[in-house]
Amino acid sequence: MAVTTVPNPSADEIRLAQELAAELQVQYVPRSATVSKMQKQMGVLQMLVAGKRLTLHAHGREIFFHPSMAVVRVKRMLLGDTDLMVEKSGLQSGDVVLDCTLGMGSDAIVFAHAVGTRGKVIGLEQNPVLAALVRIGMRNWPSDVLEVAEAMRRVEVVAAHHLDFMRTMPDQSVDIVYFDPMFRSTVKESVNFDPIRELSITDAISPNSVEEAKRIARKSIVLKERAASGEFERLGFPPPLRRSSSFTYSVIFRRGEESF
């Protein structure tokens, strides 16, 4: 992998490319030709291109941050609708949420809107390249919905494996821990994610991760999965009542001061 810029870059775009190269411990190369030609010349499969947006090029495709359905979901919430994920989690304004499987960050944006300015959302992504795409994308995405833009800016993106990160956290230090391993399946199955497939971490959620989540969560642990996947039962979550939907949520709640 290497990092370059768009043609005729600004000083800020050059600085961003250089900072990313240092962060990811890869080579920074000034832009000298088309991306595909530079990849062939350097013998690299993936190239990050810094410009008005950060783009990853690989296998003849491009991938960049997009808030996806988060925009629609936040707009619906602004109109007074309830969001199923937010409702199921028991989230309240001011809560602290740990999103253990950030992916492209759509759910984290919705959480950030729901917790408001007094709350906090930490999004964990083990793949440092994907973490950089999402972190910089959230910072720069030109949303025409102020509340979406504000929510994106409030998400704290951390490049870390969720189990390692949770092990460093004090007991009951967040309100909600969220797992959505479905993004990994999407990466495996969709050609749109060809550029990050080799870089992606597709491990299943482990029982150890759920135990750590129980230790650090004050309110609830939420798992989003395919209804008939068997993951709810494997990880000790209440089995879903509806198995006909493409995905569903299951929640383990802390009751008062009692342990899970």
Protein backbone atom coordinates (compact mmCIF):
# COMPACT_ATOMS: atom_id res chain seq x y z
CA MET A 1 0.00 0.00 0.00
CA ALA A 2 1.01 3.61 -0.60
CA VAL A 3 -0.54 7.05 -0.12
CA THR A 4 -0.72 9.84 -2.68
CA THR A 5 -2.91 12.85 -3.45
CA VAL A 6 -5.28 14.00 -6.13
CA PRO A 7 -3.67 15.86 -9.07
CA ASN A 8 -2.72 19.47 -8.29
CA PRO A 9 -3.19 19.01 -4.54
CA SER A 10 -3.48 21.79 -2.02
CA ALA A 11 -1.00 22.12 0.83
CA ASP A 12 -3.62 20.67 3.20
CA GLU A 13 -4.14 17.63 0.95
CA ILE A 14 -0.40 16.99 0.78
CA ARG A 15 -0.16 17.31 4.56
CA LEU A 16 -3.06 14.88 5.03
CA ALA A 17 -1.46 12.32 2.71
CA GLN A 18 1.86 12.57 4.53
CA GLU A 19 0.20 12.25 7.93
CA LEU A 20 -1.76 9.18 6.80
CA ALA A 21 1.36 7.54 5.40
CA ALA A 22 3.09 8.03 8.73
CA GLU A 23 0.05 6.80 10.67
CA LEU A 24 -0.32 3.67 8.53
CA GLN A 25 3.44 3.15 8.22
CA VAL A 26 3.39 3.09 4.43
CA GLN A 27 5.09 5.15 1.74
CA TYR A 28 3.92 8.61 0.70
CA VAL A 29 4.38 9.24 -3.03
CA PRO A 30 3.75 12.60 -4.75
CA ARG A 31 1.14 12.30 -7.48
CA SER A 32 2.85 11.74 -10.84
CA ALA A 33 0.41 9.78 -13.02
CA THR A 34 -2.95 8.02 -12.90
CA VAL A 35 -3.55 5.92 -9.81
CA SER A 36 -3.55 2.66 -11.78
CA LYS A 37 -0.26 3.55 -13.47
CA MET A 38 1.34 4.47 -10.15
CA GLN A 39 0.15 1.18 -8.65
CA LYS A 40 1.79 -0.76 -11.48
CA GLN A 41 5.00 1.25 -11.24
CA MET A 42 5.23 0.70 -7.49
CA GLY A 43 3.87 -2.83 -7.41
CA VAL A 44 1.18 -2.02 -4.83
CA LEU A 45 -2.37 -3.36 -4.85
CA GLN A 46 -3.94 -0.64 -2.70
CA MET A 47 -3.45 3.10 -2.86
CA LEU A 48 -5.01 5.76 -0.67
CA VAL A 49 -5.69 9.05 -2.45
CA ALA A 50 -6.08 12.19 -0.34
CA GLY A 51 -8.22 14.98 -1.76
CA LYS A 52 -11.50 16.61 -0.83
CA ARG A 53 -12.36 13.08 0.25
CA LEU A 54 -10.12 10.13 1.09
CA THR A 55 -10.43 7.27 -1.41
CA LEU A 56 -8.98 3.76 -1.42
CA HIS A 57 -8.18 2.34 -4.87
CA ALA A 58 -7.76 -1.41 -5.38
CA HIS A 59 -8.71 -3.99 -8.01
CA GLY A 60 -9.88 -1.26 -10.35
CA ARG A 61 -12.45 -0.04 -7.83
CA GLU A 62 -12.71 2.84 -5.39
CA ILE A 63 -14.17 2.99 -1.91
CA PHE A 64 -14.75 6.04 0.25
CA PHE A 65 -16.80 6.98 3.28
CA HIS A 66 -20.53 7.46 2.86
CA PRO A 67 -23.03 7.80 5.73
CA SER A 68 -25.45 5.50 3.90
CA MET A 69 -28.81 5.03 5.66
CA ALA A 70 -27.72 7.12 8.66
CA VAL A 71 -28.93 10.26 6.89
CA VAL A 72 -32.40 8.82 6.32
CA ARG A 73 -32.60 7.45 9.86
CA VAL A 74 -31.59 10.76 11.46
CA LYS A 75 -34.07 12.64 9.27
CA ARG A 76 -36.83 10.30 10.43
CA MET A 77 -35.84 10.85 14.06
CA LEU A 78 -35.99 14.61 13.50
CA LEU A 79 -39.57 14.12 12.32
CA GLY A 80 -40.41 12.30 15.54
CA ASP A 81 -40.05 8.69 14.42
CA THR A 82 -38.30 6.15 16.63
CA ASP A 83 -35.23 4.28 15.46
CA LEU A 84 -35.40 0.56 16.22
CA MET A 85 -31.73 0.27 17.18
CA VAL A 86 -31.93 3.23 19.54
CA GLU A 87 -35.20 2.02 21.02
CA LYS A 88 -33.97 -1.55 21.59
CA SER A 89 -30.76 -0.40 23.27
CA GLY A 90 -32.54 1.65 25.93
CA LEU A 91 -30.35 4.62 25.02
CA GLN A 92 -30.99 8.06 26.49
CA SER A 93 -29.58 11.50 25.78
CA GLY A 94 -26.16 11.89 27.39
CA ASP A 95 -25.26 8.19 27.27
CA VAL A 96 -21.85 6.82 26.32
CA VAL A 97 -21.90 4.21 23.54
CA LEU A 98 -19.10 1.88 22.50
CA ASP A 99 -19.62 0.65 18.92
CA CYS A 100 -17.32 -2.37 18.74
CA THR A 101 -17.77 -3.00 15.02
CA LEU A 102 -17.71 0.44 13.41
CA GLY A 103 -17.48 -0.61 9.77
CA MET A 104 -18.51 2.39 7.66
CA GLY A 105 -19.99 4.11 10.71
CA SER A 106 -23.68 4.35 9.82
CA ASP A 107 -24.96 3.03 13.16
CA ALA A 108 -22.44 5.13 15.09
CA ILE A 109 -23.78 8.29 13.45
CA VAL A 110 -27.32 7.42 14.52
CA PHE A 111 -26.12 6.72 18.06
CA ALA A 112 -24.24 10.04 18.11
CA HIS A 113 -27.35 11.93 17.10
CA ALA A 114 -29.41 10.12 19.74
CA VAL A 115 -27.02 10.73 22.64
CA GLY A 116 -26.68 14.42 21.74
CA THR A 117 -23.94 16.84 22.66
CA ARG A 118 -23.76 15.59 26.26
CA GLY A 119 -23.20 12.01 25.17
CA LYS A 120 -20.31 10.22 23.54
CA VAL A 121 -19.86 7.56 20.87
CA ILE A 122 -16.61 5.63 20.44
CA GLY A 123 -16.35 3.58 17.26
CA LEU A 124 -13.79 0.76 17.09
CA GLU A 125 -12.44 -0.51 13.78
CA GLN A 126 -9.58 -3.00 13.75
CA ASN A 127 -8.61 -2.29 10.15
CA PRO A 128 -6.54 0.93 10.37
CA VAL A 129 -7.14 1.83 6.72
CA LEU A 130 -10.90 1.54 7.07
CA ALA A 131 -10.70 3.46 10.36
CA ALA A 132 -8.86 6.28 8.57
CA LEU A 133 -11.39 6.33 5.72
CA VAL A 134 -14.27 6.66 8.16
CA ARG A 135 -12.58 9.07 10.57
CA ILE A 136 -11.60 11.52 7.85
CA GLY A 137 -14.81 10.97 5.92
CA MET A 138 -16.94 11.83 8.95
CA ARG A 139 -14.87 14.93 9.53
CA ASN A 140 -15.25 16.21 5.96
CA TRP A 141 -18.56 14.85 4.63
CA PRO A 142 -20.60 17.77 3.26
CA SER A 143 -24.00 16.86 4.68
CA ASP A 144 -26.87 19.23 3.97
CA VAL A 145 -28.51 18.11 7.22
CA LEU A 146 -26.89 19.99 10.10
CA GLU A 147 -27.80 17.36 12.68
CA VAL A 148 -26.16 14.62 10.60
CA ALA A 149 -22.99 16.67 10.16
CA GLU A 150 -22.84 17.41 13.89
CA ALA A 151 -23.39 13.74 14.77
CA MET A 152 -20.60 12.61 12.44
CA ARG A 153 -18.15 15.08 13.95
CA ARG A 154 -18.91 13.72 17.44
CA VAL A 155 -18.01 10.09 16.67
CA GLU A 156 -14.59 9.23 18.06
CA VAL A 157 -13.02 6.69 15.69
CA VAL A 158 -10.35 4.41 17.16
CA ALA A 159 -8.31 1.86 15.21
CA ALA A 160 -8.36 -1.08 17.61
CA HIS A 161 -9.75 -4.56 18.10
CA HIS A 162 -12.77 -4.33 20.37
CA LEU A 163 -11.63 -7.06 22.77
CA ASP A 164 -8.22 -5.49 23.30
CA PHE A 165 -9.79 -2.05 23.74
CA MET A 166 -12.45 -3.23 26.21
CA ARG A 167 -9.82 -4.94 28.33
CA THR A 168 -8.26 -1.51 28.99
CA MET A 169 -11.54 0.04 30.16
CA PRO A 170 -12.75 0.33 33.77
CA ASP A 171 -15.83 -1.53 35.01
CA GLN A 172 -19.16 0.06 34.03
CA SER A 173 -17.43 2.84 32.07
CA VAL A 174 -19.93 3.04 29.18
CA ASP A 175 -23.69 2.81 29.03
CA ILE A 176 -24.15 0.68 25.91
CA VAL A 177 -21.91 -1.75 24.05
CA TYR A 178 -22.94 -2.47 20.47
CA PHE A 179 -21.94 -5.29 18.12
CA ASP A 180 -22.86 -5.47 14.44
CA PRO A 181 -20.79 -8.24 12.82
CA MET A 182 -23.10 -8.15 9.78
CA PHE A 183 -20.83 -5.58 8.10
CA ARG A 184 -18.16 -8.29 7.87
CA SER A 185 -20.54 -10.49 5.89
CA THR A 186 -21.28 -7.58 3.57
CA VAL A 187 -17.56 -7.10 2.95
CA LYS A 188 -17.19 -10.78 2.11
CA GLU A 189 -20.15 -10.87 -0.27
CA SER A 190 -20.24 -7.51 -2.08
CA VAL A 191 -17.99 -6.56 -5.00
CA ASN A 192 -18.36 -2.95 -3.85
CA PHE A 193 -15.97 -3.77 -1.01
CA ASP A 194 -13.27 -5.41 -3.15
CA PRO A 195 -10.77 -2.64 -2.27
CA ILE A 196 -10.81 -3.51 1.44
CA ARG A 197 -11.49 -7.25 1.36
CA GLU A 198 -7.84 -8.21 1.87
CA LEU A 199 -7.57 -5.65 4.66
CA SER A 200 -10.75 -6.51 6.51
CA ILE A 201 -11.06 -8.40 9.77
CA THR A 202 -13.89 -10.91 9.49
CA ASP A 203 -13.60 -12.72 12.82
CA ALA A 204 -16.85 -13.65 14.52
CA ILE A 205 -17.68 -12.00 17.85
CA SER A 206 -16.22 -14.15 20.63
CA PRO A 207 -17.84 -15.10 23.95
CA ASN A 208 -14.88 -13.37 25.62
CA SER A 209 -15.91 -10.12 23.94
CA VAL A 210 -19.43 -10.46 25.32
CA GLU A 211 -18.04 -11.10 28.82
CA GLU A 212 -15.91 -7.96 28.61
CA ALA A 213 -18.94 -6.03 27.37
CA LYS A 214 -20.88 -7.20 30.43
CA ARG A 215 -18.10 -5.90 32.64
CA ILE A 216 -17.95 -2.39 31.14
CA ALA A 217 -21.62 -1.75 30.28
CA ARG A 218 -23.86 0.11 32.71
CA LYS A 219 -27.09 -0.43 30.79
CA SER A 220 -27.10 -2.87 27.90
CA ILE A 221 -25.28 -4.92 25.28
CA VAL A 222 -26.82 -4.97 21.81
CA LEU A 223 -26.16 -7.52 19.06
CA LYS A 224 -27.40 -7.02 15.51
CA GLU A 225 -27.42 -10.18 13.41
CA ARG A 226 -29.30 -12.23 10.88
CA ALA A 227 -32.27 -13.72 12.68
CA ALA A 228 -31.46 -17.33 11.85
CA SER A 229 -27.67 -17.04 12.12
CA GLY A 230 -27.41 -18.90 15.42
CA GLU A 231 -25.14 -16.14 16.77
CA PHE A 232 -27.64 -14.96 19.39
CA GLU A 233 -27.75 -18.41 20.95
CA ARG A 234 -23.99 -18.97 20.64
CA LEU A 235 -23.20 -15.72 22.44
CA GLY A 236 -25.87 -16.01 25.14
CA PHE A 237 -28.32 -13.39 23.87
CA PRO A 238 -32.09 -13.91 24.08
CA PRO A 239 -33.17 -15.60 20.84
CA PRO A 240 -35.06 -13.27 18.48
CA LEU A 241 -38.82 -13.58 18.32
CA ARG A 242 -38.95 -12.63 14.63
CA ARG A 243 -36.91 -14.89 12.37
CA SER A 244 -38.42 -13.80 9.07
CA SER A 245 -36.62 -10.44 8.87
CA SER A 246 -33.19 -10.07 7.25
CA PHE A 247 -31.70 -8.87 10.54
CA THR A 248 -32.79 -8.21 14.08
CA TYR A 249 -31.50 -7.00 17.43
CA SER A 250 -31.14 -8.82 20.72
CA VAL A 251 -30.28 -7.06 23.96
CA ILE A 252 -28.86 -8.08 27.33
CA PHE A 253 -29.84 -5.52 29.97
CA ARG A 254 -28.23 -4.80 33.32
CA ARG A 255 -30.91 -4.70 36.00
CA GLY A 256 -30.32 -1.99 38.58
CA GLU A 257 -27.01 -2.52 40.35
CA GLU A 258 -27.03 -6.25 39.66
CA SER A 259 -24.55 -7.91 37.36
CA PHE A 260 -25.67 -9.29 34.02
